Amino acid sequence: MTSSTSSSSSRRALLALLAAAAWALPPPAAAQAPAEPAEPAEEAPLPVPPREPGALARVAVFPVENLSGAAIGARELRGAVELALARRGLDVIGGDLLERFLARHRIRYTGGIDAATSAAAARDLDVDGVVVSSLDFYDESRPSFGMTMRLVSGPEATVRWIDGVAQAGDESPGLLGLGIVREVRTLRDRVLARLGQSLADALQGKGPSAPPCPDGRRFRPKVRSRTGIFAQDEERLTVAVVPFRNLSRRRFAGEAVALTFARQLASMPGLTLVEPGVVRDVLLRQRIVMEGGVSLDQLRTLHGALGVDLLVAGDVFDYTDAGGSGAPTANFTVSVLDDRAGRVLWQSTSYNQGDDGVFFFDAGKVGTVPRLACRMARSAVEQMVSAPRRPAGAADPQRKPDHAR
């Protein structure tokens, strides 16, 4: 009896101990109250230096987009761009600070800028705009260098200035060849100096915000249809240039010719250019692939997203630079479409060589394909758009001397 009673008491004591331990344990994970999500830690501000006193503007210089198809020293070229702009009185943000900004916002494409990136640059870097540069042409064997540059700013990524310059070392040989430039770096510095001065002049109100290409009357379209886009004295229209389809052997020829048209359209009174980076952003977000051209459904999608009046598209068939003593050639078709109704308002085909209309001693010969395409684009755009009236005898404020540009 005593043994049975002792055993029973031990069992009761053990059960009581187990019950107390169970009460002491935390409840199962499913029964626990859900933890409140931790607030993400705010990123520390970038170490932006104070503004340079007396600077024309503070700008961020994006890495250069390479449309030349040649291998280049990207870091060295961007440094040359930054130096050229700083020498013209601009406060430049670049280098490691800009790399940190690009990494923070996961920006890989620098050939254009969308509205969100433009706003972020103004906020994080305290800049007045972003300089976007595209290397159009680069050749060390026959020293040649060409670049298009633009300033984009504001929450809507507005193009404030755009210009382009291309030069070849043997374009002005002079007496005994003394004018030949044999180093591509020398051409690079000359081109960047002209672009920097053009931007500085535009910021000071001393020059146009979109200098037009040189006179292209010798390079008029061979085939054209439809009438001009708008008549005189009509309201200002917005225009977007979509990437041209490249059917040539030259890499990036479609992007290069599209950018040339964007520059020329921006110079026309009555037209407002949509930043190409904004157009690219919409194409990506809407998953629009334009390899086969522009469809009506794509036009409607772009109209809803961009809110533009006109779309410019085209095909590039030839974009070849001069070889040896030859002349550059370009061949492309451009179409202007009404995105609301999907109508083709204008279409033209241009094919030219740099020595068209040249008869004596190569006088007037165009030496590089970017300069040839620029003149052809001006001729096509001037025919597709009717310029507003100006008072009799008044000079064209956009017209500049037709020297090499």
Foldseek 3Di string as FASTA:
>chain_A
DVVVVVVVVVVVVVVVVVVVVVVVDDDDPVPDDDDDDDDDDDDDAQPADDFDPPALWEEEEFFEAELALDDDDRVVLSVLLQVLLVVLRYRYDYDPSVVVVCVVVVPDDQQFDALVSQVSCCVRRVGAWYKYKYWNHQDLVFQKTKMKIFTFHDSGRFTQAIDMAIDTQQPPLPPPRPSGDNGNVVVSNVRSNVVSNQVSCSSVVNADRQFAFFAQPLFAFPDKDAAAPDDAPDAAFEEEEDFEAEQAPRGNPRVLLSVLLLSNQCLAPRYGYRINNNVVVQCVVVVPDANPHDDLVNLLSCCVRPVGQKYKYKYWNAQAADDDPFWTKTKMKMWIAGSVVRDTRMITITIDTQCRPPDPPSVRGDHTRSSNSSSHSNNHNPRNHPGHDDPPPDDDRSDDDNDRD
